[in-house]
C-alpha atoms as a PDB file:
ATOM      1  CA  MET A   1      99.009 112.029 140.092  1.00  0.00           C
ATOM      2  CA  LYS A   2     100.710 114.513 142.360  1.00  0.00           C
ATOM      3  CA  ARG A   3     103.511 116.544 140.763  1.00  0.00           C
ATOM      4  CA  LEU A   4     106.627 117.836 142.510  1.00  0.00           C
ATOM      5  CA  LEU A   5     109.100 120.486 141.341  1.00  0.00           C
ATOM      6  CA  VAL A   6     112.626 120.780 142.752  1.00  0.00           C
ATOM      7  CA  ILE A   7     113.528 124.353 141.832  1.00  0.00           C
ATOM      8  CA  GLY A   8     117.041 125.790 142.018  1.00  0.00           C
ATOM      9  CA  ILE A   9     116.779 129.426 143.117  1.00  0.00           C
ATOM     10  CA  GLY A  10     120.420 130.541 142.884  1.00  0.00           C
ATOM     11  CA  ALA A  11     123.161 131.379 145.341  1.00  0.00           C
ATOM     12  CA  GLY A  12     121.494 134.291 147.114  1.00  0.00           C
ATOM     13  CA  ASP A  13     120.729 137.116 144.696  1.00  0.00           C
ATOM     14  CA  PRO A  14     116.983 137.216 143.837  1.00  0.00           C
ATOM     15  CA  ASP A  15     118.046 138.058 140.276  1.00  0.00           C
ATOM     16  CA  HIS A  16     119.723 134.639 140.041  1.00  0.00           C
ATOM     17  CA  LEU A  17     116.268 133.175 139.503  1.00  0.00           C
ATOM     18  CA  THR A  18     116.006 131.899 135.917  1.00  0.00           C
ATOM     19  CA  LEU A  19     112.962 132.390 133.704  1.00  0.00           C
ATOM     20  CA  GLN A  20     112.352 128.639 133.883  1.00  0.00           C
ATOM     21  CA  ALA A  21     112.399 128.765 137.684  1.00  0.00           C
ATOM     22  CA  ALA A  22     110.066 131.785 137.775  1.00  0.00           C
ATOM     23  CA  LYS A  23     107.579 129.941 135.542  1.00  0.00           C
ATOM     24  CA  ALA A  24     107.833 126.864 137.781  1.00  0.00           C
ATOM     25  CA  ILE A  25     107.076 128.955 140.876  1.00  0.00           C
ATOM     26  CA  ALA A  26     104.072 130.450 139.097  1.00  0.00           C
ATOM     27  CA  ALA A  27     102.790 126.930 138.354  1.00  0.00           C
ATOM     28  CA  THR A  28     103.023 125.743 141.987  1.00  0.00           C
ATOM     29  CA  ASP A  29     100.018 125.151 144.256  1.00  0.00           C
ATOM     30  CA  VAL A  30     101.879 124.274 147.464  1.00  0.00           C
ATOM     31  CA  PHE A  31     105.387 125.342 148.493  1.00  0.00           C
ATOM     32  CA  PHE A  32     107.224 123.111 150.982  1.00  0.00           C
ATOM     33  CA  ILE A  33     109.714 124.829 153.281  1.00  0.00           C
ATOM     34  CA  VAL A  34     111.958 123.042 155.783  1.00  0.00           C
ATOM     35  CA  ASP A  35     112.867 125.547 158.493  1.00  0.00           C
ATOM     36  CA  LYS A  36     116.454 125.296 159.786  1.00  0.00           C
ATOM     37  CA  GLY A  37     115.848 127.569 162.761  1.00  0.00           C
ATOM     38  CA  GLU A  38     116.350 131.176 163.725  1.00  0.00           C
ATOM     39  CA  ALA A  39     120.050 131.309 162.811  1.00  0.00           C
ATOM     40  CA  LYS A  40     119.249 130.634 159.138  1.00  0.00           C
ATOM     41  CA  HIS A  41     115.944 132.513 158.998  1.00  0.00           C
ATOM     42  CA  GLU A  42     117.321 134.722 156.201  1.00  0.00           C
ATOM     43  CA  LEU A  43     117.325 131.691 153.914  1.00  0.00           C
ATOM     44  CA  ILE A  44     113.609 131.215 154.586  1.00  0.00           C
ATOM     45  CA  GLU A  45     112.886 134.924 154.051  1.00  0.00           C
ATOM     46  CA  LEU A  46     114.395 134.848 150.556  1.00  0.00           C
ATOM     47  CA  ARG A  47     112.171 131.924 149.630  1.00  0.00           C
ATOM     48  CA  HIS A  48     109.103 133.809 150.882  1.00  0.00           C
ATOM     49  CA  GLU A  49     110.127 136.864 148.838  1.00  0.00           C
ATOM     50  CA  LEU A  50     110.500 134.802 145.665  1.00  0.00           C
ATOM     51  CA  ILE A  51     107.149 133.107 146.242  1.00  0.00           C
ATOM     52  CA  LYS A  52     105.436 136.448 146.849  1.00  0.00           C
ATOM     53  CA  GLU A  53     106.940 137.959 143.694  1.00  0.00           C
ATOM     54  CA  HIS A  54     106.496 135.040 141.286  1.00  0.00           C
ATOM     55  CA  GLY A  55     103.794 132.827 142.785  1.00  0.00           C
ATOM     56  CA  ARG A  56     100.228 132.945 141.492  1.00  0.00           C
ATOM     57  CA  PRO A  57      97.488 132.909 144.152  1.00  0.00           C
ATOM     58  CA  PRO A  58      95.840 130.963 145.496  1.00  0.00           C
ATOM     59  CA  TYR A  59      98.947 129.083 146.659  1.00  0.00           C
ATOM     60  CA  ARG A  60      99.777 127.678 150.064  1.00  0.00           C
ATOM     61  CA  ILE A  61     103.002 127.379 152.065  1.00  0.00           C
ATOM     62  CA  ALA A  62     103.532 124.271 154.214  1.00  0.00           C
ATOM     63  CA  GLU A  63     106.451 124.195 156.647  1.00  0.00           C
ATOM     64  CA  ALA A  64     108.248 121.539 158.671  1.00  0.00           C
ATOM     65  CA  ARG A  65     111.097 121.796 161.155  1.00  0.00           C
ATOM     66  CA  ASP A  66     114.444 120.453 159.982  1.00  0.00           C
ATOM     67  CA  PRO A  67     115.651 117.545 162.199  1.00  0.00           C
ATOM     68  CA  GLU A  68     118.726 118.174 164.319  1.00  0.00           C
ATOM     69  CA  ARG A  69     121.978 116.787 162.930  1.00  0.00           C
ATOM     70  CA  ASP A  70     125.031 115.632 164.901  1.00  0.00           C
ATOM     71  CA  ARG A  71     127.925 117.654 163.478  1.00  0.00           C
ATOM     72  CA  THR A  72     130.452 116.553 166.103  1.00  0.00           C
ATOM     73  CA  THR A  73     130.529 112.795 165.549  1.00  0.00           C
ATOM     74  CA  PRO A  74     133.536 111.349 163.680  1.00  0.00           C
ATOM     75  CA  ALA A  75     131.085 109.030 161.876  1.00  0.00           C
ATOM     76  CA  TYR A  76     130.216 111.785 159.422  1.00  0.00           C
ATOM     77  CA  THR A  77     128.673 109.627 156.679  1.00  0.00           C
ATOM     78  CA  ASP A  78     126.427 107.740 159.117  1.00  0.00           C
ATOM     79  CA  ALA A  79     125.304 111.003 160.735  1.00  0.00           C
ATOM     80  CA  VAL A  80     124.381 112.497 157.366  1.00  0.00           C
ATOM     81  CA  ALA A  81     122.471 109.345 156.359  1.00  0.00           C
ATOM     82  CA  ASP A  82     120.514 109.380 159.631  1.00  0.00           C
ATOM     83  CA  TRP A  83     119.681 113.077 159.307  1.00  0.00           C
ATOM     84  CA  ARG A  84     118.668 112.657 155.660  1.00  0.00           C
ATOM     85  CA  SER A  85     116.266 109.817 156.488  1.00  0.00           C
ATOM     86  CA  ARG A  86     114.615 111.841 159.266  1.00  0.00           C
ATOM     87  CA  ARG A  87     114.320 114.805 156.927  1.00  0.00           C
ATOM     88  CA  ALA A  88     112.817 112.553 154.261  1.00  0.00           C
ATOM     89  CA  LEU A  89     110.129 111.482 156.731  1.00  0.00           C
ATOM     90  CA  ALA A  90     109.263 115.118 157.452  1.00  0.00           C
ATOM     91  CA  CYS A  91     109.073 115.915 153.728  1.00  0.00           C
ATOM     92  CA  GLU A  92     107.024 112.777 153.047  1.00  0.00           C
ATOM     93  CA  THR A  93     104.479 113.915 155.637  1.00  0.00           C
ATOM     94  CA  LEU A  94     104.225 117.323 153.977  1.00  0.00           C
ATOM     95  CA  ILE A  95     103.641 115.814 150.531  1.00  0.00           C
ATOM     96  CA  ALA A  96     101.122 113.260 151.808  1.00  0.00           C
ATOM     97  CA  GLU A  97      99.095 115.675 153.936  1.00  0.00           C
ATOM     98  CA  GLU A  98      99.383 119.001 152.132  1.00  0.00           C
ATOM     99  CA  LEU A  99      99.469 118.159 148.411  1.00  0.00           C
ATOM    100  CA  GLY A 100      96.244 117.075 146.747  1.00  0.00           C
ATOM    101  CA  GLU A 101      95.859 114.868 143.695  1.00  0.00           C
ATOM    102  CA  ASN A 102      96.584 116.723 140.433  1.00  0.00           C
ATOM    103  CA  GLN A 103      98.282 119.528 142.382  1.00  0.00           C
ATOM    104  CA  THR A 104     101.863 120.743 141.994  1.00  0.00           C
ATOM    105  CA  GLY A 105     104.164 121.122 144.979  1.00  0.00           C
ATOM    106  CA  ALA A 106     107.662 122.601 145.058  1.00  0.00           C
ATOM    107  CA  PHE A 107     110.846 122.695 147.091  1.00  0.00           C
ATOM    108  CA  LEU A 108     112.916 125.844 146.507  1.00  0.00           C
ATOM    109  CA  VAL A 109     116.543 124.745 146.675  1.00  0.00           C
ATOM    110  CA  TRP A 110     119.457 127.060 147.377  1.00  0.00           C
ATOM    111  CA  GLY A 111     121.892 127.167 144.442  1.00  0.00           C
ATOM    112  CA  ASP A 112     121.498 124.191 142.113  1.00  0.00           C
ATOM    113  CA  PRO A 113     119.752 120.967 143.219  1.00  0.00           C
ATOM    114  CA  GLY A 114     122.523 118.862 141.672  1.00  0.00           C
ATOM    115  CA  VAL A 115     125.479 120.409 143.530  1.00  0.00           C
ATOM    116  CA  TYR A 116     125.984 119.168 147.114  1.00  0.00           C
ATOM    117  CA  ASP A 117     122.311 119.307 148.035  1.00  0.00           C
ATOM    118  CA  SER A 118     120.301 116.506 149.622  1.00  0.00           C
ATOM    119  CA  THR A 119     116.863 117.241 148.146  1.00  0.00           C
ATOM    120  CA  LEU A 120     117.063 114.873 145.171  1.00  0.00           C
ATOM    121  CA  ALA A 121     118.268 111.987 147.343  1.00  0.00           C
ATOM    122  CA  ILE A 122     115.442 112.701 149.786  1.00  0.00           C
ATOM    123  CA  VAL A 123     112.852 112.701 146.991  1.00  0.00           C
ATOM    124  CA  GLU A 124     114.131 109.342 145.735  1.00  0.00           C
ATOM    125  CA  GLU A 125     114.076 107.922 149.274  1.00  0.00           C
ATOM    126  CA  ILE A 126     110.442 108.985 149.673  1.00  0.00           C
ATOM    127  CA  LEU A 127     109.496 107.320 146.385  1.00  0.00           C
ATOM    128  CA  ASP A 128     111.407 104.143 147.285  1.00  0.00           C
ATOM    129  CA  ARG A 129     109.405 103.764 150.507  1.00  0.00           C
ATOM    130  CA  GLY A 130     106.214 103.701 148.464  1.00  0.00           C
ATOM    131  CA  ASN A 131     103.922 105.446 150.949  1.00  0.00           C
ATOM    132  CA  VAL A 132     103.195 108.337 148.594  1.00  0.00           C
ATOM    133  CA  SER A 133     103.503 108.527 144.820  1.00  0.00           C
ATOM    134  CA  PHE A 134     104.223 111.506 142.591  1.00  0.00           C
ATOM    135  CA  ASP A 135     106.056 112.552 139.460  1.00  0.00           C
ATOM    136  CA  TYR A 136     108.824 115.123 139.788  1.00  0.00           C
ATOM    137  CA  GLU A 137     110.942 117.492 137.720  1.00  0.00           C
ATOM    138  CA  VAL A 138     114.213 119.270 138.481  1.00  0.00           C
ATOM    139  CA  ILE A 139     114.735 122.927 137.546  1.00  0.00           C
ATOM    140  CA  PRO A 140     118.462 123.842 137.513  1.00  0.00           C
ATOM    141  CA  GLY A 141     119.725 126.952 139.289  1.00  0.00           C
ATOM    142  CA  ILE A 142     122.807 129.168 139.400  1.00  0.00           C
ATOM    143  CA  SER A 143     125.183 127.356 141.744  1.00  0.00           C
ATOM    144  CA  ALA A 144     127.554 128.912 144.254  1.00  0.00           C
ATOM    145  CA  VAL A 145     130.365 127.710 141.980  1.00  0.00           C
ATOM    146  CA  ALA A 146     129.044 129.728 139.032  1.00  0.00           C
ATOM    147  CA  ALA A 147     128.405 132.758 141.240  1.00  0.00           C
ATOM    148  CA  LEU A 148     131.920 132.526 142.718  1.00  0.00           C
ATOM    149  CA  THR A 149     133.798 132.505 139.426  1.00  0.00           C
ATOM    150  CA  ALA A 150     131.580 135.251 138.016  1.00  0.00           C
ATOM    151  CA  ARG A 151     132.179 137.544 141.001  1.00  0.00           C
ATOM    152  CA  HIS A 152     135.942 136.967 140.778  1.00  0.00           C
ATOM    153  CA  ARG A 153     135.841 137.413 136.986  1.00  0.00           C
ATOM    154  CA  THR A 154     137.749 134.186 136.449  1.00  0.00           C
ATOM    155  CA  SER A 155     137.039 131.045 134.468  1.00  0.00           C
ATOM    156  CA  LEU A 156     136.176 127.796 136.225  1.00  0.00           C
ATOM    157  CA  THR A 157     138.108 125.800 133.637  1.00  0.00           C
ATOM    158  CA  GLN A 158     141.402 126.126 131.812  1.00  0.00           C
ATOM    159  CA  VAL A 159     142.083 124.827 128.323  1.00  0.00           C
ATOM    160  CA  GLY A 160     142.331 121.050 128.289  1.00  0.00           C
ATOM    161  CA  ARG A 161     142.609 120.756 132.077  1.00  0.00           C
ATOM    162  CA  PRO A 162     140.257 119.085 134.581  1.00  0.00           C
ATOM    163  CA  VAL A 163     138.432 120.641 137.525  1.00  0.00           C
ATOM    164  CA  HIS A 164     137.836 118.718 140.751  1.00  0.00           C
ATOM    165  CA  LEU A 165     134.741 119.527 142.845  1.00  0.00           C
ATOM    166  CA  THR A 166     135.103 118.395 146.447  1.00  0.00           C
ATOM    167  CA  THR A 167     134.490 119.207 150.112  1.00  0.00           C
ATOM    168  CA  GLY A 168     136.776 120.636 152.742  1.00  0.00           C
ATOM    169  CA  ARG A 169     136.747 117.301 154.580  1.00  0.00           C
ATOM    170  CA  ARG A 170     137.981 115.433 151.505  1.00  0.00           C
ATOM    171  CA  LEU A 171     140.525 118.127 150.664  1.00  0.00           C
ATOM    172  CA  ALA A 172     142.001 117.730 154.145  1.00  0.00           C
ATOM    173  CA  GLU A 173     142.201 113.951 153.668  1.00  0.00           C
ATOM    174  CA  ASP A 174     143.315 113.710 150.038  1.00  0.00           C
ATOM    175  CA  GLY A 175     144.871 117.066 149.209  1.00  0.00           C
ATOM    176  CA  PRO A 176     144.291 118.712 145.804  1.00  0.00           C
ATOM    177  CA  THR A 177     143.906 116.146 143.038  1.00  0.00           C
ATOM    178  CA  ALA A 178     143.880 118.638 140.160  1.00  0.00           C
ATOM    179  CA  ASP A 179     145.458 121.964 139.283  1.00  0.00           C
ATOM    180  CA  ASP A 180     141.974 123.506 139.674  1.00  0.00           C
ATOM    181  CA  THR A 181     139.898 122.411 142.674  1.00  0.00           C
ATOM    182  CA  VAL A 182     136.549 123.832 143.824  1.00  0.00           C
ATOM    183  CA  VAL A 183     135.949 123.323 147.536  1.00  0.00           C
ATOM    184  CA  MET A 184     132.640 123.584 149.390  1.00  0.00           C
ATOM    185  CA  LEU A 185     131.649 123.098 153.019  1.00  0.00           C
ATOM    186  CA  ASP A 186     135.111 123.728 154.443  1.00  0.00           C
ATOM    187  CA  ALA A 187     134.848 124.586 158.145  1.00  0.00           C
ATOM    188  CA  HIS A 188     138.521 123.963 158.880  1.00  0.00           C
ATOM    189  CA  SER A 189     140.406 126.095 156.338  1.00  0.00           C
ATOM    190  CA  SER A 190     141.908 123.047 154.651  1.00  0.00           C
ATOM    191  CA  TYR A 191     143.678 125.271 152.106  1.00  0.00           C
ATOM    192  CA  ILE A 192     146.199 126.433 154.718  1.00  0.00           C
ATOM    193  CA  GLY A 193     149.641 125.129 153.784  1.00  0.00           C
ATOM    194  CA  LEU A 194     148.845 124.759 150.071  1.00  0.00           C
ATOM    195  CA  ASP A 195     151.468 127.322 149.193  1.00  0.00           C
ATOM    196  CA  ASP A 196     151.568 126.503 145.486  1.00  0.00           C
ATOM    197  CA  TYR A 197     147.983 127.694 144.991  1.00  0.00           C
ATOM    198  CA  THR A 198     146.026 130.874 144.404  1.00  0.00           C
ATOM    199  CA  ILE A 199     142.620 130.969 146.105  1.00  0.00           C
ATOM    200  CA  TYR A 200     139.386 132.638 144.978  1.00  0.00           C
ATOM    201  CA  TRP A 201     137.097 132.647 148.033  1.00  0.00           C
ATOM    202  CA  GLY A 202     133.550 133.885 148.514  1.00  0.00           C
ATOM    203  CA  ALA A 203     130.920 133.759 151.250  1.00  0.00           C
ATOM    204  CA  TYR A 204     127.206 134.718 151.251  1.00  0.00           C
ATOM    205  CA  LEU A 205     127.497 135.028 147.474  1.00  0.00           C
ATOM    206  CA  GLY A 206     124.880 137.249 145.882  1.00  0.00           C
ATOM    207  CA  THR A 207     123.688 138.741 149.168  1.00  0.00           C
ATOM    208  CA  SER A 208     124.277 142.087 150.869  1.00  0.00           C
ATOM    209  CA  ASP A 209     126.740 140.324 153.223  1.00  0.00           C
ATOM    210  CA  GLU A 210     128.885 138.984 150.377  1.00  0.00           C
ATOM    211  CA  LEU A 211     132.596 138.576 151.139  1.00  0.00           C
ATOM    212  CA  LEU A 212     135.263 138.106 148.449  1.00  0.00           C
ATOM    213  CA  VAL A 213     139.008 137.535 148.783  1.00  0.00           C
ATOM    214  CA  SER A 214     141.539 136.324 146.232  1.00  0.00           C
ATOM    215  CA  GLY A 215     145.288 135.931 146.056  1.00  0.00           C
ATOM    216  CA  PRO A 216     148.099 133.487 146.808  1.00  0.00           C
ATOM    217  CA  VAL A 217     147.256 131.230 149.760  1.00  0.00           C
ATOM    218  CA  THR A 218     150.477 132.322 151.441  1.00  0.00           C
ATOM    219  CA  GLU A 219     149.283 135.948 151.395  1.00  0.00           C
ATOM    220  CA  VAL A 220     145.517 135.751 152.015  1.00  0.00           C
ATOM    221  CA  GLY A 221     144.948 132.375 153.697  1.00  0.00           C
ATOM    222  CA  ASP A 222     145.037 133.665 157.276  1.00  0.00           C
ATOM    223  CA  ARG A 223     142.870 136.646 156.359  1.00  0.00           C
ATOM    224  CA  ILE A 224     140.195 134.368 154.897  1.00  0.00           C
ATOM    225  CA  ARG A 225     140.234 132.186 158.007  1.00  0.00           C
ATOM    226  CA  GLU A 226     139.750 135.220 160.248  1.00  0.00           C
ATOM    227  CA  LEU A 227     137.004 136.687 158.044  1.00  0.00           C
ATOM    228  CA  ARG A 228     135.159 133.376 157.990  1.00  0.00           C
ATOM    229  CA  ALA A 229     135.301 132.927 161.750  1.00  0.00           C
ATOM    230  CA  SER A 230     134.151 136.501 162.375  1.00  0.00           C
ATOM    231  CA  ALA A 231     131.281 136.270 159.886  1.00  0.00           C
ATOM    232  CA  ARG A 232     130.058 132.946 161.265  1.00  0.00           C
ATOM    233  CA  THR A 233     130.071 134.310 164.798  1.00  0.00           C
ATOM    234  CA  ARG A 234     128.205 137.438 163.716  1.00  0.00           C
ATOM    235  CA  LYS A 235     125.487 135.703 161.681  1.00  0.00           C
ATOM    236  CA  GLY A 236     125.350 132.268 163.274  1.00  0.00           C
ATOM    237  CA  TRP A 237     125.903 130.499 159.928  1.00  0.00           C
ATOM    238  CA  ILE A 238     128.039 130.734 156.830  1.00  0.00           C
ATOM    239  CA  MET A 239     127.988 129.341 153.311  1.00  0.00           C
ATOM    240  CA  ASP A 240     131.269 129.757 151.470  1.00  0.00           C
ATOM    241  CA  THR A 241     133.005 128.288 148.447  1.00  0.00           C
ATOM    242  CA  TYR A 242     136.432 128.650 146.944  1.00  0.00           C
ATOM    243  CA  LEU A 243     138.485 127.782 143.894  1.00  0.00           C
ATOM    244  CA  LEU A 244     142.082 126.679 144.341  1.00  0.00           C
ATOM    245  CA  ARG A 245     144.277 127.142 141.260  1.00  0.00           C
ATOM    246  CA  ARG A 246     147.848 125.940 141.163  1.00  0.00           C
ATOM    247  CA  THR A 247     150.125 128.925 140.661  1.00  0.00           C
ATOM    248  CA  PRO A 248     152.110 128.543 137.426  1.00  0.00           C
ATOM    249  CA  ARG A 249     155.811 128.047 138.033  1.00  0.00           C
ATOM    250  CA  PRO A 250     158.149 130.535 136.309  1.00  0.00           C
ATOM    251  CA  ARG A 251     159.622 129.192 133.116  1.00  0.00           C
ATOM    252  CA  GLN A 252     163.310 128.298 133.273  1.00  0.00           C
ATOM    253  CA  ASP A 253     164.937 128.849 129.899  1.00  0.00           C
END
């Protein structure tokens, strides 16, 4: 039986790698890398560095090109489903052709595999098609959410109060649904106008390009929007996350 590891490697700092993840990398025969192109080549380089440091030769690296995804269509869910299926086919080919029986293969996943990442859904889709069989295990990683709150030295939760994890698209549609809301994948600065909130924002967390801003939305919202646009233009990509926390109202005695 082929064995597959889905390994969370953290938000960007090589030191985010857990001992469990380092041991999993050392146990891997074939590493599968899906290349997202020149703009995001830094993400591939970090994976190569982690493999070189923690992998045990003889290992192999097998790469596939990530399918193009339509990011302009209003049919967002359908576009993601189509892209995910095409990516699953590419990953299925890698597993079928590059991983031998009784060997261990691995995908190194940015952050944590369970937080807004498609790898687990892709693995299940491959198994459901039945063209290749394998057993798999998930190794958790330090998520961007954990890295964000640590860098801002703030707690993710408050006593007895819920936290909502969502996307920028849903925040724009629904607004905040809790006093504490973590937002990922927000390309349109959906926090603008939420004047009752304090924002803790971070981009490229754990890397040398890390950006951090915090404060009332009314004071720092425009600055974050400008920083984000400038950084994305400079690097060609951006990964950012933020926590919105409702500002306590002054007590009226």
